[in-house]
Protein backbone atom coordinates (compact mmCIF):
# COMPACT_ATOMS: atom_id res chain seq x y z
CA MET A 1 26.23 -7.64 -18.11
CA LEU A 2 25.26 -4.19 -18.65
CA ASN A 3 21.97 -4.51 -17.38
CA LEU A 4 22.85 -6.30 -14.23
CA VAL A 5 25.29 -3.51 -13.11
CA ARG A 6 22.36 -1.08 -14.24
CA SER A 7 19.70 -3.24 -11.94
CA ILE A 8 22.46 -3.20 -9.26
CA ALA A 9 22.98 0.26 -9.27
CA PHE A 10 19.02 0.83 -9.23
CA ASN A 11 18.31 -1.66 -6.33
CA ALA A 12 21.08 0.60 -4.09
CA LEU A 13 19.33 3.78 -4.74
CA PHE A 14 16.17 2.64 -4.33
CA TYR A 15 16.94 1.26 -0.97
CA LEU A 16 18.90 4.55 -0.19
CA ASN A 17 15.66 6.48 -1.20
CA THR A 18 13.13 4.51 0.89
CA VAL A 19 15.45 5.13 3.73
CA LEU A 20 15.65 9.16 3.03
CA TRP A 21 11.84 9.16 3.13
CA LEU A 22 11.71 7.09 6.13
CA ILE A 23 13.91 9.78 7.83
CA LEU A 24 11.57 12.41 6.32
CA GLY A 25 8.63 10.89 7.41
CA LEU A 26 9.23 10.78 10.99
CA PRO A 27 7.93 14.31 11.47
CA THR A 28 4.56 14.02 10.21
CA PHE A 29 3.65 11.67 13.06
CA PHE A 30 2.77 14.76 14.83
CA LEU A 31 1.14 16.42 11.71
CA PRO A 32 -2.31 15.54 9.67
CA TYR A 33 -2.34 12.13 8.10
CA ARG A 34 -2.11 13.78 4.97
CA ALA A 35 1.20 14.49 5.39
CA THR A 36 2.41 11.41 5.32
CA VAL A 37 0.38 10.20 2.15
CA TRP A 38 2.27 13.39 0.91
CA ILE A 39 5.56 11.77 1.73
CA ALA A 40 4.59 8.31 0.23
CA LYS A 41 3.27 9.92 -3.21
CA SER A 42 6.96 11.97 -3.14
CA TRP A 43 8.75 8.40 -2.54
CA GLY A 44 6.77 6.95 -5.15
CA ARG A 45 7.57 9.63 -7.93
CA VAL A 46 11.13 9.88 -7.11
CA ASN A 47 11.02 5.93 -7.58
CA LEU A 48 9.93 6.32 -10.98
CA VAL A 49 12.98 8.43 -11.51
CA LEU A 50 15.17 6.32 -10.26
CA LEU A 51 14.23 3.30 -12.25
CA ARG A 52 15.24 5.09 -15.29
CA VAL A 53 18.72 4.06 -14.18
CA ALA A 54 17.82 0.41 -15.01
CA GLY A 55 16.25 1.95 -18.53
CA ILE A 56 12.92 1.36 -16.99
CA ASP A 57 10.01 4.33 -18.07
CA TYR A 58 6.57 4.00 -17.73
CA GLU A 59 3.72 5.24 -20.05
CA LEU A 60 0.08 5.68 -18.56
CA ARG A 61 -3.09 5.19 -20.86
CA GLY A 62 -6.70 6.72 -19.49
CA CYS A 63 -5.97 8.67 -16.81
CA GLU A 64 -9.25 10.51 -18.17
CA LYS A 65 -11.26 7.95 -16.75
CA ILE A 66 -10.21 8.13 -13.54
CA PRO A 67 -13.23 9.08 -11.53
CA ALA A 68 -13.03 12.42 -8.96
CA GLY A 69 -13.61 11.23 -5.27
CA PRO A 70 -13.89 8.01 -3.09
CA LEU A 71 -12.60 5.05 -5.31
CA ILE A 72 -12.13 1.41 -5.15
CA VAL A 73 -8.70 0.60 -7.46
CA ALA A 74 -8.74 -3.08 -8.42
CA SER A 75 -5.00 -3.19 -9.94
CA LYS A 76 -3.19 -6.35 -11.40
CA HIS A 77 -0.36 -6.91 -9.30
CA GLN A 78 3.11 -8.39 -11.09
CA SER A 79 5.80 -6.54 -9.50
CA ALA A 80 6.75 -3.98 -6.46
CA TRP A 81 6.24 -1.46 -9.17
CA GLU A 82 2.52 -0.98 -8.86
CA THR A 83 3.14 -0.61 -4.85
CA PHE A 84 4.67 3.15 -5.29
CA ALA A 85 4.09 4.14 -8.61
CA LEU A 86 0.23 4.04 -8.24
CA LEU A 87 0.46 6.17 -5.48
CA PRO A 88 1.54 9.65 -6.78
CA LEU A 89 -1.38 9.22 -9.57
CA PHE A 90 -4.34 9.91 -7.08
CA ASP A 91 -5.48 12.53 -4.55
CA ASN A 92 -5.53 10.71 -1.74
CA PRO A 93 -4.57 6.72 -1.88
CA LEU A 94 -4.56 4.52 0.62
CA PHE A 95 -3.32 0.68 0.02
CA ILE A 96 -5.47 -2.80 1.57
CA VAL A 97 -2.18 -4.54 2.93
CA LYS A 98 -1.33 -6.95 5.25
CA ARG A 99 -1.38 -6.74 8.63
CA GLU A 100 2.21 -8.04 9.07
CA LEU A 101 3.60 -5.04 7.17
CA MET A 102 2.55 -2.64 9.86
CA TRP A 103 4.96 -4.35 12.03
CA ILE A 104 8.05 -3.21 10.43
CA PRO A 105 9.43 -0.14 12.57
CA VAL A 106 9.03 2.99 10.92
CA PHE A 107 8.03 1.71 7.72
CA GLY A 108 4.85 -0.06 9.26
CA TRP A 109 4.21 2.81 11.72
CA LEU A 110 4.35 5.21 8.84
CA MET A 111 1.57 3.29 6.94
CA ARG A 112 -0.71 2.78 9.95
CA LYS A 113 -0.09 7.20 10.11
CA GLY A 114 -1.44 7.01 6.76
CA ARG A 115 -4.01 5.10 7.35
CA MET A 116 -3.38 2.17 5.48
CA VAL A 117 -6.00 -0.88 5.98
CA PRO A 118 -4.33 -3.79 7.53
CA VAL A 119 -5.97 -7.23 6.93
CA ASP A 120 -5.65 -10.07 9.04
CA ARG A 121 -5.35 -13.40 6.74
CA SER A 122 -5.87 -15.72 9.36
CA ALA A 123 -9.10 -14.19 11.05
CA GLY A 124 -11.33 -15.83 7.76
CA SER A 125 -14.46 -14.17 7.63
CA GLN A 126 -14.03 -11.49 10.69
CA ALA A 127 -10.95 -9.78 8.61
CA LEU A 128 -13.35 -9.17 5.60
CA ILE A 129 -15.87 -7.59 7.98
CA ALA A 130 -13.11 -5.18 9.47
CA MET A 131 -11.64 -5.22 6.08
CA THR A 132 -14.70 -3.18 5.33
CA GLU A 133 -15.57 -1.46 8.17
CA ARG A 134 -12.30 0.50 7.57
CA ALA A 135 -12.91 0.93 4.25
CA ARG A 136 -15.59 2.62 4.90
CA ILE A 137 -14.49 5.22 7.29
CA GLU A 138 -11.70 5.89 4.34
CA LEU A 139 -14.02 6.28 1.49
CA ALA A 140 -16.15 8.12 3.33
CA ASP A 141 -13.06 11.07 3.60
CA GLY A 142 -13.21 10.79 0.06
CA ARG A 143 -9.97 8.87 -0.57
CA GLN A 144 -9.12 6.19 -3.42
CA LEU A 145 -8.55 2.71 -2.36
CA ILE A 146 -5.93 0.73 -4.23
CA ILE A 147 -6.72 -3.13 -4.04
CA PHE A 148 -4.87 -6.06 -5.53
CA PRO A 149 -7.65 -8.69 -6.40
CA GLU A 150 -5.30 -11.74 -6.41
CA GLY A 151 -4.11 -11.03 -2.60
CA THR A 152 -0.33 -11.35 -4.19
CA ARG A 153 2.31 -10.73 -6.91
CA ARG A 154 1.80 -13.06 -9.48
CA PRO A 155 4.27 -13.64 -12.83
CA ALA A 156 3.51 -11.50 -15.57
CA GLY A 157 1.64 -13.76 -17.89
CA ALA A 158 0.28 -16.32 -14.86
CA GLU A 159 -2.88 -18.15 -14.64
CA PRO A 160 -5.21 -15.20 -12.24
CA ARG A 161 -6.07 -16.30 -9.00
CA TYR A 162 -8.32 -13.13 -8.33
CA LYS A 163 -10.04 -13.45 -4.67
CA TYR A 164 -14.04 -12.20 -4.15
CA GLY A 165 -12.97 -9.79 -1.23
CA VAL A 166 -12.89 -7.59 -3.77
CA ALA A 167 -16.45 -8.26 -4.87
CA HIS A 168 -17.48 -8.02 -1.23
CA LEU A 169 -15.87 -4.66 -0.86
CA TYR A 170 -17.55 -3.49 -3.94
CA ALA A 171 -21.28 -4.41 -2.79
CA ALA A 172 -20.75 -2.94 0.54
CA GLU A 173 -19.15 0.62 -0.08
CA GLY A 174 -21.15 2.31 -2.82
CA VAL A 175 -18.56 4.12 -4.83
CA PRO A 176 -17.08 3.15 -8.24
CA CYS A 177 -14.42 0.26 -9.18
CA LEU A 178 -11.39 1.27 -11.57
CA PRO A 179 -10.09 -2.02 -13.34
CA VAL A 180 -6.40 -1.42 -13.96
CA ALA A 181 -4.08 -3.52 -15.97
CA LEU A 182 -0.32 -3.69 -16.27
CA ASN A 183 2.64 -5.14 -17.48
CA SER A 184 5.40 -4.41 -14.36
CA GLY A 185 6.45 -7.69 -14.52
CA LEU A 186 7.62 -8.09 -17.70
CA PHE A 187 10.49 -5.39 -16.41
CA TRP A 188 10.69 -6.12 -12.86
CA PRO A 189 10.07 -9.98 -12.09
CA ARG A 190 8.55 -10.73 -8.55
CA ARG A 191 11.53 -11.71 -6.42
CA SER A 192 13.96 -10.79 -8.79
CA LEU A 193 16.42 -7.63 -8.38
CA ARG A 194 17.81 -8.03 -11.51
CA LEU A 195 15.52 -5.46 -14.02
CA ARG A 196 14.81 -5.63 -17.54
CA PRO A 197 15.00 -2.52 -19.71
CA GLY A 198 12.09 -1.17 -21.36
CA THR A 199 8.36 0.64 -20.81
CA VAL A 200 6.08 -0.13 -17.87
CA ILE A 201 2.63 0.30 -19.65
CA VAL A 202 -0.23 1.07 -17.08
CA GLU A 203 -4.10 1.18 -18.30
CA PHE A 204 -6.90 2.42 -16.57
CA LEU A 205 -10.27 0.98 -17.65
CA ASP A 206 -13.90 2.17 -17.77
CA PRO A 207 -15.27 2.10 -14.04
CA ILE A 208 -17.70 -0.12 -13.47
CA ALA A 209 -20.28 1.77 -11.62
CA PRO A 210 -21.66 0.62 -8.16
CA GLY A 211 -24.88 -1.28 -8.12
CA LEU A 212 -24.33 -4.60 -10.01
CA ASP A 213 -24.18 -7.95 -8.66
CA LYS A 214 -21.53 -9.45 -6.62
CA ASP A 215 -20.90 -12.17 -9.19
CA ALA A 216 -21.71 -9.80 -12.16
CA PHE A 217 -19.00 -7.46 -10.69
CA PHE A 218 -16.37 -10.14 -10.28
CA GLY A 219 -16.96 -11.71 -13.17
CA ARG A 220 -16.87 -8.39 -15.36
CA LEU A 221 -13.91 -7.07 -13.03
CA GLN A 222 -11.82 -10.30 -14.18
CA SER A 223 -12.44 -10.34 -17.86
CA VAL A 224 -11.80 -6.63 -18.13
CA ILE A 225 -8.17 -6.80 -16.17
CA GLU A 226 -6.93 -10.21 -17.46
CA GLU A 227 -8.45 -9.35 -21.06
CA ALA A 228 -6.26 -5.64 -21.37
CA THR A 229 -3.04 -7.47 -19.35
CA ALA A 230 -2.71 -9.96 -22.01
CA ARG A 231 -2.79 -7.11 -24.72
CA LEU A 232 -0.57 -5.05 -22.86
CA LEU A 233 1.91 -8.24 -22.12
CA ALA A 234 2.44 -9.49 -25.64
CA GLU A 235 2.71 -5.47 -26.50
CA GLY A 236 5.98 -5.51 -24.29
CA ASN A 237 7.02 -8.93 -25.30
CA THR A 238 7.46 -7.24 -29.05
CA SER A 239 8.87 -3.79 -28.13
């Protein structure tokens, strides 16, 4: 019962906090895009503090492995947690997002202002071409491009379903790729408002330098993320 009460309290605070930062973000429409990125990172930081209401903390491992400059960040995606918690960890981050998110009033407008990269999933190969071209522009500006290679949230422990788009992006852009493993789904399951107390562990793995063959990269990326994620899930289940 206590966990349910704490979960309800966090969710109320989370949505109130989101509305507050959306309002604070409105003036950034008239400022350089990095002002909007700062708003997004600040929103993420406050959410991490608010999660303590639900008994959830976090631990970062391998931060020293994060390269400076332009970067593709390929992260496991189990929860809403990583959609905001990864933002403060990078200098000038952006996400690859579903095009439909850009249509949400204020929230979507701010995503557009922050130069997030939209993907039209109905456009097939043309979507991949457009995504790659936009990503190249942002990476040339020294940004860190966060992508979820499975395309959507997957339950903790579910069979992986990586999409090949991340390999095309890696081959086309010529920048390092930073694999990220985590176990957030144990504590904030997908499509659930009920949270479980514990510590989310995020592990930054060894960067993959540019230049690998697409298939070699794709196999290596999935292997290292899944191996580390399985270890973190086992650790979280015993804590």
